[in-house]
C-alpha atoms as a PDB file:
ATOM      1  CA  MET A   1       1.395  -6.081 -16.217  1.00  0.00           C
ATOM      2  CA  ASP A   2       0.327  -5.572 -12.598  1.00  0.00           C
ATOM      3  CA  ILE A   3      -3.214  -4.805 -11.452  1.00  0.00           C
ATOM      4  CA  ARG A   4      -2.589  -1.050 -11.236  1.00  0.00           C
ATOM      5  CA  GLN A   5      -1.200  -0.854 -14.779  1.00  0.00           C
ATOM      6  CA  ARG A   6      -4.116  -2.904 -16.050  1.00  0.00           C
ATOM      7  CA  GLY A   7      -6.533  -0.572 -14.245  1.00  0.00           C
ATOM      8  CA  VAL A   8      -4.978   2.522 -15.808  1.00  0.00           C
ATOM      9  CA  ALA A   9      -5.084   0.845 -19.242  1.00  0.00           C
ATOM     10  CA  ALA A  10      -8.779   0.007 -18.722  1.00  0.00           C
ATOM     11  CA  ALA A  11      -9.511   3.587 -17.654  1.00  0.00           C
ATOM     12  CA  ARG A  12      -7.667   4.923 -20.729  1.00  0.00           C
ATOM     13  CA  ALA A  13      -9.730   2.617 -23.001  1.00  0.00           C
ATOM     14  CA  TYR A  14     -12.954   3.741 -21.284  1.00  0.00           C
ATOM     15  CA  LEU A  15     -12.093   7.432 -21.728  1.00  0.00           C
ATOM     16  CA  GLU A  16     -11.420   6.893 -25.415  1.00  0.00           C
ATOM     17  CA  ARG A  17     -14.775   5.078 -25.781  1.00  0.00           C
ATOM     18  CA  VAL A  18     -16.610   8.076 -24.293  1.00  0.00           C
ATOM     19  CA  GLY A  19     -14.895  10.468 -26.705  1.00  0.00           C
ATOM     20  CA  GLN A  20     -11.880  11.745 -24.806  1.00  0.00           C
ATOM     21  CA  ARG A  21      -8.634  11.699 -26.784  1.00  0.00           C
ATOM     22  CA  ALA A  22      -5.872  10.428 -24.515  1.00  0.00           C
ATOM     23  CA  LEU A  23      -2.534  12.123 -25.041  1.00  0.00           C
ATOM     24  CA  ASP A  24       0.427  10.014 -26.043  1.00  0.00           C
ATOM     25  CA  GLU A  25       1.693   7.900 -23.150  1.00  0.00           C
ATOM     26  CA  SER A  26       5.184   9.313 -23.727  1.00  0.00           C
ATOM     27  CA  ILE A  27       3.948  12.679 -22.379  1.00  0.00           C
ATOM     28  CA  THR A  28       4.655  12.392 -18.685  1.00  0.00           C
ATOM     29  CA  PRO A  29       1.658  13.536 -16.634  1.00  0.00           C
ATOM     30  CA  PRO A  30       2.288  15.825 -13.669  1.00  0.00           C
ATOM     31  CA  GLU A  31       2.076  14.829  -9.998  1.00  0.00           C
ATOM     32  CA  ASP A  32      -0.379  12.014  -9.266  1.00  0.00           C
ATOM     33  CA  ILE A  33      -2.148  12.274 -12.625  1.00  0.00           C
ATOM     34  CA  ASP A  34      -2.398   8.929 -14.402  1.00  0.00           C
ATOM     35  CA  ILE A  35      -3.886   9.999 -17.734  1.00  0.00           C
ATOM     36  CA  LEU A  36      -3.871  13.269 -19.643  1.00  0.00           C
ATOM     37  CA  GLY A  37      -6.487  13.731 -22.326  1.00  0.00           C
ATOM     38  CA  ILE A  38      -8.364  16.251 -24.412  1.00  0.00           C
ATOM     39  CA  ASP A  39     -12.145  16.502 -24.104  1.00  0.00           C
ATOM     40  CA  GLY A  40     -13.312  19.071 -26.643  1.00  0.00           C
ATOM     41  CA  ASP A  41     -11.222  22.135 -25.811  1.00  0.00           C
ATOM     42  CA  THR A  42     -10.465  21.010 -22.246  1.00  0.00           C
ATOM     43  CA  LEU A  43      -7.249  19.435 -21.002  1.00  0.00           C
ATOM     44  CA  VAL A  44      -8.286  16.693 -18.562  1.00  0.00           C
ATOM     45  CA  GLY A  45      -6.068  15.144 -15.931  1.00  0.00           C
ATOM     46  CA  THR A  46      -7.446  11.868 -14.598  1.00  0.00           C
ATOM     47  CA  ILE A  47      -6.444  10.163 -11.359  1.00  0.00           C
ATOM     48  CA  VAL A  48      -7.124   6.409 -11.359  1.00  0.00           C
ATOM     49  CA  TYR A  49      -7.709   4.387  -8.197  1.00  0.00           C
ATOM     50  CA  VAL A  50      -7.737   0.587  -8.421  1.00  0.00           C
ATOM     51  CA  VAL A  51      -9.124  -1.290  -5.425  1.00  0.00           C
ATOM     52  CA  LEU A  52     -10.003  -4.897  -4.623  1.00  0.00           C
ATOM     53  CA  SER A  53     -12.717  -4.175  -2.037  1.00  0.00           C
ATOM     54  CA  SER A  54     -15.454  -1.566  -1.768  1.00  0.00           C
ATOM     55  CA  GLU A  55     -14.127  -0.786   1.706  1.00  0.00           C
ATOM     56  CA  GLU A  56     -10.914   0.472   0.081  1.00  0.00           C
ATOM     57  CA  LEU A  57     -12.608   3.095  -2.107  1.00  0.00           C
ATOM     58  CA  PRO A  58     -10.644   6.291  -1.602  1.00  0.00           C
ATOM     59  CA  VAL A  59     -11.788   9.595  -0.253  1.00  0.00           C
ATOM     60  CA  VAL A  60      -9.578  12.134  -1.970  1.00  0.00           C
ATOM     61  CA  PRO A  61      -8.763  15.098   0.287  1.00  0.00           C
ATOM     62  CA  GLU A  62      -9.647  18.537  -1.034  1.00  0.00           C
ATOM     63  CA  PRO A  63      -6.017  19.809  -0.864  1.00  0.00           C
ATOM     64  CA  THR A  64      -4.905  16.840  -2.998  1.00  0.00           C
ATOM     65  CA  LEU A  65      -7.508  17.675  -5.651  1.00  0.00           C
ATOM     66  CA  ASP A  66      -6.497  21.334  -5.600  1.00  0.00           C
ATOM     67  CA  ALA A  67      -2.792  20.508  -5.914  1.00  0.00           C
ATOM     68  CA  ASN A  68      -3.422  18.139  -8.811  1.00  0.00           C
ATOM     69  CA  LEU A  69      -5.595  20.696 -10.617  1.00  0.00           C
ATOM     70  CA  GLU A  70      -2.782  23.213 -10.209  1.00  0.00           C
ATOM     71  CA  ALA A  71      -0.340  20.683 -11.683  1.00  0.00           C
ATOM     72  CA  VAL A  72      -2.629  20.221 -14.713  1.00  0.00           C
ATOM     73  CA  LEU A  73      -2.784  24.019 -15.147  1.00  0.00           C
ATOM     74  CA  VAL A  74       1.010  24.277 -15.125  1.00  0.00           C
ATOM     75  CA  HIS A  75       1.275  21.360 -17.552  1.00  0.00           C
ATOM     76  CA  ARG A  76      -1.266  23.010 -19.856  1.00  0.00           C
ATOM     77  CA  ASP A  77       0.704  26.239 -19.932  1.00  0.00           C
ATOM     78  CA  SER A  78       3.840  24.324 -20.954  1.00  0.00           C
ATOM     79  CA  HIS A  79       2.454  21.635 -23.261  1.00  0.00           C
ATOM     80  CA  SER A  80      -1.133  22.321 -24.364  1.00  0.00           C
ATOM     81  CA  PRO A  81      -1.763  26.080 -24.549  1.00  0.00           C
ATOM     82  CA  GLU A  82      -4.477  25.467 -27.169  1.00  0.00           C
ATOM     83  CA  CYS A  83      -6.778  24.192 -24.385  1.00  0.00           C
ATOM     84  CA  PRO A  84      -8.425  27.160 -22.654  1.00  0.00           C
ATOM     85  CA  GLU A  85      -9.999  25.018 -19.914  1.00  0.00           C
ATOM     86  CA  VAL A  86      -8.659  22.340 -17.579  1.00  0.00           C
ATOM     87  CA  ARG A  87     -10.459  19.701 -15.577  1.00  0.00           C
ATOM     88  CA  LEU A  88      -9.506  17.074 -13.038  1.00  0.00           C
ATOM     89  CA  ASP A  89     -11.437  13.780 -13.079  1.00  0.00           C
ATOM     90  CA  VAL A  90     -11.195  10.750 -10.818  1.00  0.00           C
ATOM     91  CA  ILE A  91     -11.839   7.176 -11.960  1.00  0.00           C
ATOM     92  CA  SER A  92     -12.307   4.436  -9.376  1.00  0.00           C
ATOM     93  CA  LEU A  93     -12.057   0.816 -10.494  1.00  0.00           C
ATOM     94  CA  LEU A  94     -13.338  -1.904  -8.187  1.00  0.00           C
ATOM     95  CA  ILE A  95     -11.866  -5.222  -9.308  1.00  0.00           C
ATOM     96  CA  ILE A  96     -14.457  -8.002  -9.164  1.00  0.00           C
ATOM     97  CA  ALA A  97     -12.653 -10.799 -11.015  1.00  0.00           C
ATOM     98  CA  GLU A  98      -9.637 -11.280 -13.265  1.00  0.00           C
ATOM     99  CA  ASP A  99     -11.559  -9.918 -16.244  1.00  0.00           C
ATOM    100  CA  ARG A 100     -14.230  -7.767 -14.559  1.00  0.00           C
ATOM    101  CA  ALA A 101     -14.338  -4.443 -12.793  1.00  0.00           C
ATOM    102  CA  LEU A 102     -16.809  -1.730 -11.910  1.00  0.00           C
ATOM    103  CA  LEU A 103     -15.718   1.689 -13.102  1.00  0.00           C
ATOM    104  CA  ARG A 104     -16.955   4.970 -11.666  1.00  0.00           C
ATOM    105  CA  HIS A 105     -16.020   8.198 -13.421  1.00  0.00           C
ATOM    106  CA  HIS A 106     -16.183  11.342 -11.312  1.00  0.00           C
ATOM    107  CA  ARG A 107     -16.172  14.136 -13.889  1.00  0.00           C
ATOM    108  CA  GLU A 108     -15.157  17.599 -12.831  1.00  0.00           C
ATOM    109  CA  ALA A 109     -13.740  16.714  -9.430  1.00  0.00           C
ATOM    110  CA  ARG A 110     -12.088  20.100  -9.970  1.00  0.00           C
ATOM    111  CA  CYS A 111     -12.260  22.640 -12.816  1.00  0.00           C
ATOM    112  CA  GLY A 112     -10.100  25.616 -13.621  1.00  0.00           C
END
């Protein structure tokens, strides 16, 4: 498993620990979304960034966030109509060592 896959797996485990129910991995997320989950009655699309240096931490452009929120809305209409709300989150993982990382969860980068 490469570092990106491990980062997404770590983010998925974190989200489950904080109470978000990740959707089955066989459900293909839209666009650049790495994880789809349910948080209460909200469908949440999460983008995961994995970096090796704090200088690499991404600045996500507003149009990218808007486009990804739109993709989550379309996905909701097709696959999860029981969720009245949608949200786009961003998780950044800064890899410190083979078995250590700092995780930052940006909730509600966009809501719809």
